[in-house]
Amino acid sequence: WIGYKQTHSSQMEITKSSLYEGLLRILMISKAYSTSES
């Protein structure tokens, strides 16, 4: 994720916010497999 952000953005600084964006991508994929209960 860090390499992706650095090569697809003019902002090279690694911030916690940018890493949480990566975490949200993982969560988005995980949520696609969620059940009605979860």
PDB file of all heavy atoms in Angstrom:
ATOM      1  N   TRP A   1       0.814  -1.202   0.000  1.00  0.00           N
ATOM      2  CA  TRP A   1       0.000   0.000   0.000  1.00  0.00           C
ATOM      3  C   TRP A   1       0.856   1.263   0.000  1.00  0.00           C
ATOM      4  O   TRP A   1       0.565   2.226  -0.731  1.00  0.00           O
ATOM      5  CB  TRP A   1      -0.947   0.010   1.205  1.00  0.00           C
ATOM      6  CG  TRP A   1      -1.789   1.246   1.266  1.00  0.00           C
ATOM      7  CD1 TRP A   1      -1.639   2.317   2.099  1.00  0.00           C
ATOM      8  CD2 TRP A   1      -2.912   1.557   0.432  1.00  0.00           C
ATOM      9  NE1 TRP A   1      -2.590   3.269   1.853  1.00  0.00           N
ATOM     10  CE2 TRP A   1      -3.387   2.822   0.828  1.00  0.00           C
ATOM     11  CE3 TRP A   1      -3.556   0.875  -0.596  1.00  0.00           C
ATOM     12  CZ2 TRP A   1      -4.490   3.425   0.216  1.00  0.00           C
ATOM     13  CZ3 TRP A   1      -4.654   1.477  -1.209  1.00  0.00           C
ATOM     14  CH2 TRP A   1      -5.108   2.738  -0.801  1.00  0.00           C
ATOM     15  N   ILE A   2       1.900   1.282   0.801  1.00  0.00           N
ATOM     16  CA  ILE A   2       2.754   2.471   0.873  1.00  0.00           C
ATOM     17  C   ILE A   2       3.388   2.760  -0.486  1.00  0.00           C
ATOM     18  O   ILE A   2       3.389   3.898  -0.959  1.00  0.00           O
ATOM     19  CB  ILE A   2       3.832   2.308   1.955  1.00  0.00           C
ATOM     20  CG1 ILE A   2       3.186   2.402   3.341  1.00  0.00           C
ATOM     21  CG2 ILE A   2       4.938   3.360   1.814  1.00  0.00           C
ATOM     22  CD1 ILE A   2       4.133   2.144   4.491  1.00  0.00           C
ATOM     23  N   GLY A   3       3.930   1.736  -1.132  1.00  0.00           N
ATOM     24  CA  GLY A   3       4.509   1.920  -2.454  1.00  0.00           C
ATOM     25  C   GLY A   3       3.485   2.416  -3.462  1.00  0.00           C
ATOM     26  O   GLY A   3       3.787   3.273  -4.307  1.00  0.00           O
ATOM     27  N   TYR A   4       2.271   1.894  -3.369  1.00  0.00           N
ATOM     28  CA  TYR A   4       1.198   2.329  -4.264  1.00  0.00           C
ATOM     29  C   TYR A   4       0.904   3.815  -4.069  1.00  0.00           C
ATOM     30  O   TYR A   4       0.808   4.574  -5.040  1.00  0.00           O
ATOM     31  CB  TYR A   4      -0.064   1.497  -4.004  1.00  0.00           C
ATOM     32  CG  TYR A   4      -1.301   2.042  -4.691  1.00  0.00           C
ATOM     33  CD1 TYR A   4      -1.498   1.831  -6.059  1.00  0.00           C
ATOM     34  CD2 TYR A   4      -2.238   2.777  -3.983  1.00  0.00           C
ATOM     35  CE1 TYR A   4      -2.614   2.353  -6.698  1.00  0.00           C
ATOM     36  CE2 TYR A   4      -3.352   3.303  -4.615  1.00  0.00           C
ATOM     37  CZ  TYR A   4      -3.542   3.088  -5.970  1.00  0.00           C
ATOM     38  OH  TYR A   4      -4.641   3.604  -6.603  1.00  0.00           O
ATOM     39  N   LYS A   5       0.756   4.239  -2.808  1.00  0.00           N
ATOM     40  CA  LYS A   5       0.448   5.641  -2.539  1.00  0.00           C
ATOM     41  C   LYS A   5       1.568   6.568  -3.001  1.00  0.00           C
ATOM     42  O   LYS A   5       1.320   7.653  -3.529  1.00  0.00           O
ATOM     43  CB  LYS A   5       0.201   5.847  -1.034  1.00  0.00           C
ATOM     44  CG  LYS A   5      -1.076   5.219  -0.524  1.00  0.00           C
ATOM     45  CD  LYS A   5      -2.320   5.873  -1.111  1.00  0.00           C
ATOM     46  CE  LYS A   5      -2.558   7.256  -0.550  1.00  0.00           C
ATOM     47  NZ  LYS A   5      -3.831   7.847  -1.052  1.00  0.00           N
ATOM     48  N   GLN A   6       2.804   6.122  -2.831  1.00  0.00           N
ATOM     49  CA  GLN A   6       3.935   6.972  -3.206  1.00  0.00           C
ATOM     50  C   GLN A   6       4.081   7.113  -4.716  1.00  0.00           C
ATOM     51  O   GLN A   6       4.596   8.113  -5.198  1.00  0.00           O
ATOM     52  CB  GLN A   6       5.228   6.415  -2.606  1.00  0.00           C
ATOM     53  CG  GLN A   6       5.313   6.604  -1.096  1.00  0.00           C
ATOM     54  CD  GLN A   6       6.616   6.105  -0.517  1.00  0.00           C
ATOM     55  OE1 GLN A   6       7.152   5.094  -0.956  1.00  0.00           O
ATOM     56  NE2 GLN A   6       7.135   6.798   0.475  1.00  0.00           N
ATOM     57  N   THR A   7       3.639   6.115  -5.457  1.00  0.00           N
ATOM     58  CA  THR A   7       3.773   6.172  -6.918  1.00  0.00           C
ATOM     59  C   THR A   7       2.510   6.672  -7.616  1.00  0.00           C
ATOM     60  O   THR A   7       2.527   6.898  -8.823  1.00  0.00           O
ATOM     61  CB  THR A   7       4.137   4.788  -7.493  1.00  0.00           C
ATOM     62  OG1 THR A   7       3.171   3.819  -7.045  1.00  0.00           O
ATOM     63  CG2 THR A   7       5.518   4.364  -7.048  1.00  0.00           C
ATOM     64  N   HIS A   8       1.423   6.847  -6.872  1.00  0.00           N
ATOM     65  CA  HIS A   8       0.165   7.304  -7.473  1.00  0.00           C
ATOM     66  C   HIS A   8      -0.351   8.567  -6.798  1.00  0.00           C
ATOM     67  O   HIS A   8      -1.549   8.850  -6.840  1.00  0.00           O
ATOM     68  CB  HIS A   8      -0.899   6.197  -7.398  1.00  0.00           C
ATOM     69  CG  HIS A   8      -0.604   5.032  -8.275  1.00  0.00           C
ATOM     70  ND1 HIS A   8       0.313   4.061  -7.934  1.00  0.00           N
ATOM     71  CD2 HIS A   8      -1.091   4.669  -9.496  1.00  0.00           C
ATOM     72  CE1 HIS A   8       0.378   3.154  -8.905  1.00  0.00           C
ATOM     73  NE2 HIS A   8      -0.455   3.506  -9.858  1.00  0.00           N
ATOM     74  N   SER A   9       0.549   9.319  -6.198  1.00  0.00           N
ATOM     75  CA  SER A   9       0.161  10.553  -5.528  1.00  0.00           C
ATOM     76  C   SER A   9       1.327  11.522  -5.555  1.00  0.00           C
ATOM     77  O   SER A   9       2.490  11.114  -5.567  1.00  0.00           O
ATOM     78  CB  SER A   9      -0.254  10.255  -4.080  1.00  0.00           C
ATOM     79  OG  SER A   9      -0.452  11.450  -3.361  1.00  0.00           O
ATOM     80  N   SER A  10       1.019  12.802  -5.575  1.00  0.00           N
ATOM     81  CA  SER A  10       2.079  13.815  -5.510  1.00  0.00           C
ATOM     82  C   SER A  10       2.601  13.968  -4.087  1.00  0.00           C
ATOM     83  O   SER A  10       3.649  14.560  -3.861  1.00  0.00           O
ATOM     84  CB  SER A  10       1.542  15.161  -6.008  1.00  0.00           C
ATOM     85  OG  SER A  10       0.425  15.577  -5.222  1.00  0.00           O
ATOM     86  N   GLN A  11       1.860  13.410  -3.122  1.00  0.00           N
ATOM     87  CA  GLN A  11       2.251  13.489  -1.715  1.00  0.00           C
ATOM     88  C   GLN A  11       3.085  12.262  -1.347  1.00  0.00           C
ATOM     89  O   GLN A  11       2.575  11.149  -1.276  1.00  0.00           O
ATOM     90  CB  GLN A  11       1.007  13.548  -0.820  1.00  0.00           C
ATOM     91  CG  GLN A  11       1.300  13.563   0.665  1.00  0.00           C
ATOM     92  CD  GLN A  11       2.049  14.804   1.106  1.00  0.00           C
ATOM     93  OE1 GLN A  11       1.856  15.883   0.551  1.00  0.00           O
ATOM     94  NE2 GLN A  11       2.906  14.674   2.086  1.00  0.00           N
ATOM     95  N   MET A  12       4.380  12.469  -1.117  1.00  0.00           N
ATOM     96  CA  MET A  12       5.273  11.353  -0.830  1.00  0.00           C
ATOM     97  C   MET A  12       5.351  11.022   0.656  1.00  0.00           C
ATOM     98  O   MET A  12       5.797   9.943   1.035  1.00  0.00           O
ATOM     99  CB  MET A  12       6.683  11.663  -1.341  1.00  0.00           C
ATOM    100  CG  MET A  12       6.772  11.764  -2.858  1.00  0.00           C
ATOM    101  SD  MET A  12       6.367  10.206  -3.679  1.00  0.00           S
ATOM    102  CE  MET A  12       7.789   9.223  -3.224  1.00  0.00           C
ATOM    103  N   GLU A  13       4.917  11.939   1.503  1.00  0.00           N
ATOM    104  CA  GLU A  13       5.003  11.703   2.942  1.00  0.00           C
ATOM    105  C   GLU A  13       4.049  10.587   3.358  1.00  0.00           C
ATOM    106  O   GLU A  13       2.892  10.529   2.920  1.00  0.00           O
ATOM    107  CB  GLU A  13       4.653  12.976   3.714  1.00  0.00           C
ATOM    108  CG  GLU A  13       4.775  12.825   5.218  1.00  0.00           C
ATOM    109  CD  GLU A  13       4.332  14.065   5.963  1.00  0.00           C
ATOM    110  OE1 GLU A  13       3.891  15.043   5.307  1.00  0.00           O
ATOM    111  OE2 GLU A  13       4.424  14.059   7.203  1.00  0.00           O
ATOM    112  N   ILE A  14       4.554   9.706   4.208  1.00  0.00           N
ATOM    113  CA  ILE A  14       3.732   8.618   4.732  1.00  0.00           C
ATOM    114  C   ILE A  14       3.067   9.113   6.012  1.00  0.00           C
ATOM    115  O   ILE A  14       3.747   9.456   6.979  1.00  0.00           O
ATOM    116  CB  ILE A  14       4.581   7.373   5.033  1.00  0.00           C
ATOM    117  CG1 ILE A  14       5.333   6.920   3.773  1.00  0.00           C
ATOM    118  CG2 ILE A  14       3.705   6.237   5.563  1.00  0.00           C
ATOM    119  CD1 ILE A  14       6.405   5.886   4.046  1.00  0.00           C
ATOM    120  N   THR A  15       1.745   9.178   6.012  1.00  0.00           N
ATOM    121  CA  THR A  15       1.013   9.635   7.190  1.00  0.00           C
ATOM    122  C   THR A  15       0.131   8.508   7.720  1.00  0.00           C
ATOM    123  O   THR A  15      -0.182   7.559   7.006  1.00  0.00           O
ATOM    124  CB  THR A  15       0.124  10.840   6.852  1.00  0.00           C
ATOM    125  OG1 THR A  15      -0.896  10.425   5.924  1.00  0.00           O
ATOM    126  CG2 THR A  15       0.947  11.975   6.244  1.00  0.00           C
ATOM    127  N   LYS A  16      -0.274   8.657   8.962  1.00  0.00           N
ATOM    128  CA  LYS A  16      -1.190   7.674   9.531  1.00  0.00           C
ATOM    129  C   LYS A  16      -2.505   7.653   8.760  1.00  0.00           C
ATOM    130  O   LYS A  16      -3.090   6.585   8.529  1.00  0.00           O
ATOM    131  CB  LYS A  16      -1.450   7.983  11.008  1.00  0.00           C
ATOM    132  CG  LYS A  16      -0.273   7.669  11.920  1.00  0.00           C
ATOM    133  CD  LYS A  16      -0.617   7.870  13.388  1.00  0.00           C
ATOM    134  CE  LYS A  16       0.542   7.447  14.280  1.00  0.00           C
ATOM    135  NZ  LYS A  16       0.232   7.616  15.723  1.00  0.00           N
ATOM    136  N   SER A  17      -2.956   8.827   8.323  1.00  0.00           N
ATOM    137  CA  SER A  17      -4.208   8.894   7.568  1.00  0.00           C
ATOM    138  C   SER A  17      -4.122   8.085   6.285  1.00  0.00           C
ATOM    139  O   SER A  17      -5.060   7.366   5.923  1.00  0.00           O
ATOM    140  CB  SER A  17      -4.550  10.352   7.240  1.00  0.00           C
ATOM    141  OG  SER A  17      -4.893  11.064   8.412  1.00  0.00           O
ATOM    142  N   SER A  18      -2.986   8.194   5.588  1.00  0.00           N
ATOM    143  CA  SER A  18      -2.841   7.455   4.333  1.00  0.00           C
ATOM    144  C   SER A  18      -2.794   5.949   4.575  1.00  0.00           C
ATOM    145  O   SER A  18      -3.265   5.164   3.747  1.00  0.00           O
ATOM    146  CB  SER A  18      -1.583   7.911   3.584  1.00  0.00           C
ATOM    147  OG  SER A  18      -0.404   7.557   4.284  1.00  0.00           O
ATOM    148  N   LEU A  19      -2.257   5.540   5.717  1.00  0.00           N
ATOM    149  CA  LEU A  19      -2.220   4.110   6.030  1.00  0.00           C
ATOM    150  C   LEU A  19      -3.599   3.605   6.444  1.00  0.00           C
ATOM    151  O   LEU A  19      -3.963   2.460   6.140  1.00  0.00           O
ATOM    152  CB  LEU A  19      -1.199   3.831   7.129  1.00  0.00           C
ATOM    153  CG  LEU A  19       0.259   4.146   6.777  1.00  0.00           C
ATOM    154  CD1 LEU A  19       1.192   3.554   7.819  1.00  0.00           C
ATOM    155  CD2 LEU A  19       0.633   3.631   5.400  1.00  0.00           C
ATOM    156  N   TYR A  20      -4.363   4.448   7.124  1.00  0.00           N
ATOM    157  CA  TYR A  20      -5.736   4.049   7.446  1.00  0.00           C
ATOM    158  C   TYR A  20      -6.568   3.879   6.174  1.00  0.00           C
ATOM    159  O   TYR A  20      -7.494   3.069   6.137  1.00  0.00           O
ATOM    160  CB  TYR A  20      -6.387   5.062   8.381  1.00  0.00           C
ATOM    161  CG  TYR A  20      -6.030   4.852   9.836  1.00  0.00           C
ATOM    162  CD1 TYR A  20      -5.444   5.862  10.585  1.00  0.00           C
ATOM    163  CD2 TYR A  20      -6.284   3.632  10.466  1.00  0.00           C
ATOM    164  CE1 TYR A  20      -5.115   5.664  11.925  1.00  0.00           C
ATOM    165  CE2 TYR A  20      -5.948   3.429  11.800  1.00  0.00           C
ATOM    166  CZ  TYR A  20      -5.365   4.447  12.518  1.00  0.00           C
ATOM    167  OH  TYR A  20      -5.035   4.239  13.833  1.00  0.00           O
ATOM    168  N   GLU A  21      -6.239   4.626   5.129  1.00  0.00           N
ATOM    169  CA  GLU A  21      -6.923   4.435   3.851  1.00  0.00           C
ATOM    170  C   GLU A  21      -6.689   3.015   3.336  1.00  0.00           C
ATOM    171  O   GLU A  21      -7.599   2.373   2.816  1.00  0.00           O
ATOM    172  CB  GLU A  21      -6.405   5.443   2.820  1.00  0.00           C
ATOM    173  CG  GLU A  21      -6.839   6.872   3.064  1.00  0.00           C
ATOM    174  CD  GLU A  21      -6.203   7.813   2.066  1.00  0.00           C
ATOM    175  OE1 GLU A  21      -5.777   7.354   0.994  1.00  0.00           O
ATOM    176  OE2 GLU A  21      -6.115   9.023   2.363  1.00  0.00           O
ATOM    177  N   GLY A  22      -5.456   2.524   3.484  1.00  0.00           N
ATOM    178  CA  GLY A  22      -5.152   1.155   3.085  1.00  0.00           C
ATOM    179  C   GLY A  22      -5.915   0.152   3.918  1.00  0.00           C
ATOM    180  O   GLY A  22      -6.430  -0.852   3.405  1.00  0.00           O
ATOM    181  N   LEU A  23      -6.005   0.431   5.210  1.00  0.00           N
ATOM    182  CA  LEU A  23      -6.754  -0.450   6.099  1.00  0.00           C
ATOM    183  C   LEU A  23      -8.228  -0.495   5.705  1.00  0.00           C
ATOM    184  O   LEU A  23      -8.865  -1.552   5.757  1.00  0.00           O
ATOM    185  CB  LEU A  23      -6.600   0.048   7.537  1.00  0.00           C
ATOM    186  CG  LEU A  23      -6.683  -1.006   8.644  1.00  0.00           C
ATOM    187  CD1 LEU A  23      -5.546  -2.007   8.530  1.00  0.00           C
ATOM    188  CD2 LEU A  23      -6.654  -0.335  10.014  1.00  0.00           C
ATOM    189  N   LEU A  24      -8.757   0.641   5.272  1.00  0.00           N
ATOM    190  CA  LEU A  24     -10.156   0.691   4.837  1.00  0.00           C
ATOM    191  C   LEU A  24     -10.378  -0.118   3.561  1.00  0.00           C
ATOM    192  O   LEU A  24     -11.461  -0.674   3.360  1.00  0.00           O
ATOM    193  CB  LEU A  24     -10.585   2.147   4.630  1.00  0.00           C
ATOM    194  CG  LEU A  24     -10.893   2.905   5.927  1.00  0.00           C
ATOM    195  CD1 LEU A  24     -10.917   4.415   5.678  1.00  0.00           C
ATOM    196  CD2 LEU A  24     -12.222   2.448   6.515  1.00  0.00           C
ATOM    197  N   ARG A  25      -9.351  -0.218   2.727  1.00  0.00           N
ATOM    198  CA  ARG A  25      -9.478  -1.066   1.520  1.00  0.00           C
ATOM    199  C   ARG A  25      -9.580  -2.538   1.928  1.00  0.00           C
ATOM    200  O   ARG A  25     -10.369  -3.300   1.362  1.00  0.00           O
ATOM    201  CB  ARG A  25      -8.284  -0.864   0.584  1.00  0.00           C
ATOM    202  CG  ARG A  25      -8.104   0.512   0.036  1.00  0.00           C
ATOM    203  CD  ARG A  25      -9.306   1.006  -0.751  1.00  0.00           C
ATOM    204  NE  ARG A  25      -8.997   2.213  -1.489  1.00  0.00           N
ATOM    205  CZ  ARG A  25      -8.973   3.433  -0.992  1.00  0.00           C
ATOM    206  NH1 ARG A  25      -9.224   3.620   0.295  1.00  0.00           N
ATOM    207  NH2 ARG A  25      -8.702   4.486  -1.734  1.00  0.00           N
ATOM    208  N   ILE A  26      -8.776  -2.920   2.923  1.00  0.00           N
ATOM    209  CA  ILE A  26      -8.843  -4.293   3.423  1.00  0.00           C
ATOM    210  C   ILE A  26     -10.209  -4.555   4.039  1.00  0.00           C
ATOM    211  O   ILE A  26     -10.818  -5.609   3.831  1.00  0.00           O
ATOM    212  CB  ILE A  26      -7.733  -4.549   4.456  1.00  0.00           C
ATOM    213  CG1 ILE A  26      -6.358  -4.416   3.804  1.00  0.00           C
ATOM    214  CG2 ILE A  26      -7.882  -5.932   5.092  1.00  0.00           C
ATOM    215  CD1 ILE A  26      -5.202  -4.443   4.776  1.00  0.00           C
ATOM    216  N   LEU A  27     -10.705  -3.578   4.771  1.00  0.00           N
ATOM    217  CA  LEU A  27     -12.012  -3.711   5.400  1.00  0.00           C
ATOM    218  C   LEU A  27     -13.124  -3.796   4.357  1.00  0.00           C
ATOM    219  O   LEU A  27     -14.084  -4.560   4.506  1.00  0.00           O
ATOM    220  CB  LEU A  27     -12.245  -2.535   6.341  1.00  0.00           C
ATOM    221  CG  LEU A  27     -13.497  -2.545   7.215  1.00  0.00           C
ATOM    222  CD1 LEU A  27     -13.620  -3.863   7.976  1.00  0.00           C
ATOM    223  CD2 LEU A  27     -13.456  -1.385   8.186  1.00  0.00           C
ATOM    224  N   MET A  28     -12.986  -3.042   3.278  1.00  0.00           N
ATOM    225  CA  MET A  28     -13.971  -3.071   2.206  1.00  0.00           C
ATOM    226  C   MET A  28     -14.059  -4.468   1.585  1.00  0.00           C
ATOM    227  O   MET A  28     -15.160  -4.999   1.337  1.00  0.00           O
ATOM    228  CB  MET A  28     -13.610  -2.049   1.120  1.00  0.00           C
ATOM    229  CG  MET A  28     -14.565  -2.006  -0.068  1.00  0.00           C
ATOM    230  SD  MET A  28     -14.034  -0.827  -1.335  1.00  0.00           S
ATOM    231  CE  MET A  28     -12.574  -1.667  -1.974  1.00  0.00           C
ATOM    232  N   ILE A  29     -12.891  -5.062   1.355  1.00  0.00           N
ATOM    233  CA  ILE A  29     -12.864  -6.414   0.801  1.00  0.00           C
ATOM    234  C   ILE A  29     -13.457  -7.404   1.793  1.00  0.00           C
ATOM    235  O   ILE A  29     -14.260  -8.274   1.420  1.00  0.00           O
ATOM    236  CB  ILE A  29     -11.415  -6.806   0.449  1.00  0.00           C
ATOM    237  CG1 ILE A  29     -10.897  -5.939  -0.695  1.00  0.00           C
ATOM    238  CG2 ILE A  29     -11.330  -8.284   0.069  1.00  0.00           C
ATOM    239  CD1 ILE A  29      -9.415  -6.085  -0.942  1.00  0.00           C
ATOM    240  N   SER A  30     -13.092  -7.268   3.057  1.00  0.00           N
ATOM    241  CA  SER A  30     -13.594  -8.179   4.086  1.00  0.00           C
ATOM    242  C   SER A  30     -15.105  -8.060   4.233  1.00  0.00           C
ATOM    243  O   SER A  30     -15.813  -9.065   4.395  1.00  0.00           O
ATOM    244  CB  SER A  30     -12.915  -7.889   5.425  1.00  0.00           C
ATOM    245  OG  SER A  30     -11.507  -7.974   5.322  1.00  0.00           O
ATOM    246  N   LYS A  31     -15.611  -6.825   4.179  1.00  0.00           N
ATOM    247  CA  LYS A  31     -17.044  -6.589   4.346  1.00  0.00           C
ATOM    248  C   LYS A  31     -17.860  -7.250   3.232  1.00  0.00           C
ATOM    249  O   LYS A  31     -19.012  -7.621   3.448  1.00  0.00           O
ATOM    250  CB  LYS A  31     -17.325  -5.087   4.385  1.00  0.00           C
ATOM    251  CG  LYS A  31     -18.760  -4.740   4.773  1.00  0.00           C
ATOM    252  CD  LYS A  31     -18.953  -3.240   4.954  1.00  0.00           C
ATOM    253  CE  LYS A  31     -18.874  -2.511   3.629  1.00  0.00           C
ATOM    254  NZ  LYS A  31     -19.226  -1.078   3.764  1.00  0.00           N
ATOM    255  N   ALA A  32     -17.238  -7.393   2.076  1.00  0.00           N
ATOM    256  CA  ALA A  32     -17.942  -8.041   0.958  1.00  0.00           C
ATOM    257  C   ALA A  32     -18.286  -9.491   1.278  1.00  0.00           C
ATOM    258  O   ALA A  32     -19.196 -10.060   0.668  1.00  0.00           O
ATOM    259  CB  ALA A  32     -17.083  -7.965  -0.300  1.00  0.00           C
ATOM    260  N   TYR A  33     -17.584 -10.086   2.236  1.00  0.00           N
ATOM    261  CA  TYR A  33     -17.837 -11.479   2.632  1.00  0.00           C
ATOM    262  C   TYR A  33     -18.643 -11.561   3.929  1.00  0.00           C
ATOM    263  O   TYR A  33     -18.835 -12.661   4.452  1.00  0.00           O
ATOM    264  CB  TYR A  33     -16.514 -12.222   2.808  1.00  0.00           C
ATOM    265  CG  TYR A  33     -15.747 -12.418   1.524  1.00  0.00           C
ATOM    266  CD1 TYR A  33     -14.739 -11.534   1.145  1.00  0.00           C
ATOM    267  CD2 TYR A  33     -16.042 -13.488   0.681  1.00  0.00           C
ATOM    268  CE1 TYR A  33     -14.037 -11.712  -0.034  1.00  0.00           C
ATOM    269  CE2 TYR A  33     -15.347 -13.674  -0.505  1.00  0.00           C
ATOM    270  CZ  TYR A  33     -14.351 -12.774  -0.860  1.00  0.00           C
ATOM    271  OH  TYR A  33     -13.662 -12.964  -2.038  1.00  0.00           O
ATOM    272  N   SER A  34     -19.099 -10.424   4.440  1.00  0.00           N
ATOM    273  CA  SER A  34     -19.833 -10.444   5.707  1.00  0.00           C
ATOM    274  C   SER A  34     -21.175 -11.149   5.547  1.00  0.00           C
ATOM    275  O   SER A  34     -21.760 -11.198   4.455  1.00  0.00           O
ATOM    276  CB  SER A  34     -20.057  -9.014   6.217  1.00  0.00           C
ATOM    277  OG  SER A  34     -20.873  -8.282   5.311  1.00  0.00           O
ATOM    278  N   THR A  35     -21.660 -11.699   6.635  1.00  0.00           N
ATOM    279  CA  THR A  35     -22.962 -12.354   6.654  1.00  0.00           C
ATOM    280  C   THR A  35     -24.016 -11.345   7.107  1.00  0.00           C
ATOM    281  O   THR A  35     -23.685 -10.245   7.572  1.00  0.00           O
ATOM    282  CB  THR A  35     -22.960 -13.559   7.615  1.00  0.00           C
ATOM    283  OG1 THR A  35     -22.697 -13.073   8.951  1.00  0.00           O
ATOM    284  CG2 THR A  35     -21.882 -14.562   7.219  1.00  0.00           C
ATOM    285  N   SER A  36     -25.279 -11.715   7.004  1.00  0.00           N
ATOM    286  CA  SER A  36     -26.343 -10.812   7.448  1.00  0.00           C
ATOM    287  C   SER A  36     -26.211 -10.509   8.934  1.00  0.00           C
ATOM    288  O   SER A  36     -26.529  -9.401   9.388  1.00  0.00           O
ATOM    289  CB  SER A  36     -27.712 -11.430   7.141  1.00  0.00           C
ATOM    290  OG  SER A  36     -27.849 -12.708   7.760  1.00  0.00           O
ATOM    291  N   GLU A  37     -25.722 -11.475   9.705  1.00  0.00           N
ATOM    292  CA  GLU A  37     -25.556 -11.279  11.146  1.00  0.00           C
ATOM    293  C   GLU A  37     -24.387 -10.350  11.483  1.00  0.00           C
ATOM    294  O   GLU A  37     -24.397  -9.675  12.510  1.00  0.00           O
ATOM    295  CB  GLU A  37     -25.342 -12.621  11.850  1.00  0.00           C
ATOM    296  CG  GLU A  37     -26.545 -13.550  11.845  1.00  0.00           C
ATOM    297  CD  GLU A  37     -26.722 -14.291  10.521  1.00  0.00           C
ATOM    298  OE1 GLU A  37     -25.786 -14.209   9.664  1.00  0.00           O
ATOM    299  OE2 GLU A  37     -27.763 -14.932  10.326  1.00  0.00           O
ATOM    300  N   SER A  38     -23.351 -10.348  10.639  1.00  0.00           N
ATOM    301  CA  SER A  38     -22.146  -9.578  10.958  1.00  0.00           C
ATOM    302  C   SER A  38     -22.058  -8.259  10.192  1.00  0.00           C
ATOM    303  O   SER A  38     -21.137  -7.475  10.421  1.00  0.00           O
ATOM    304  CB  SER A  38     -20.900 -10.407  10.650  1.00  0.00           C
ATOM    305  OG  SER A  38     -20.780 -10.635   9.256  1.00  0.00           O
TER     306      SER A  38
END
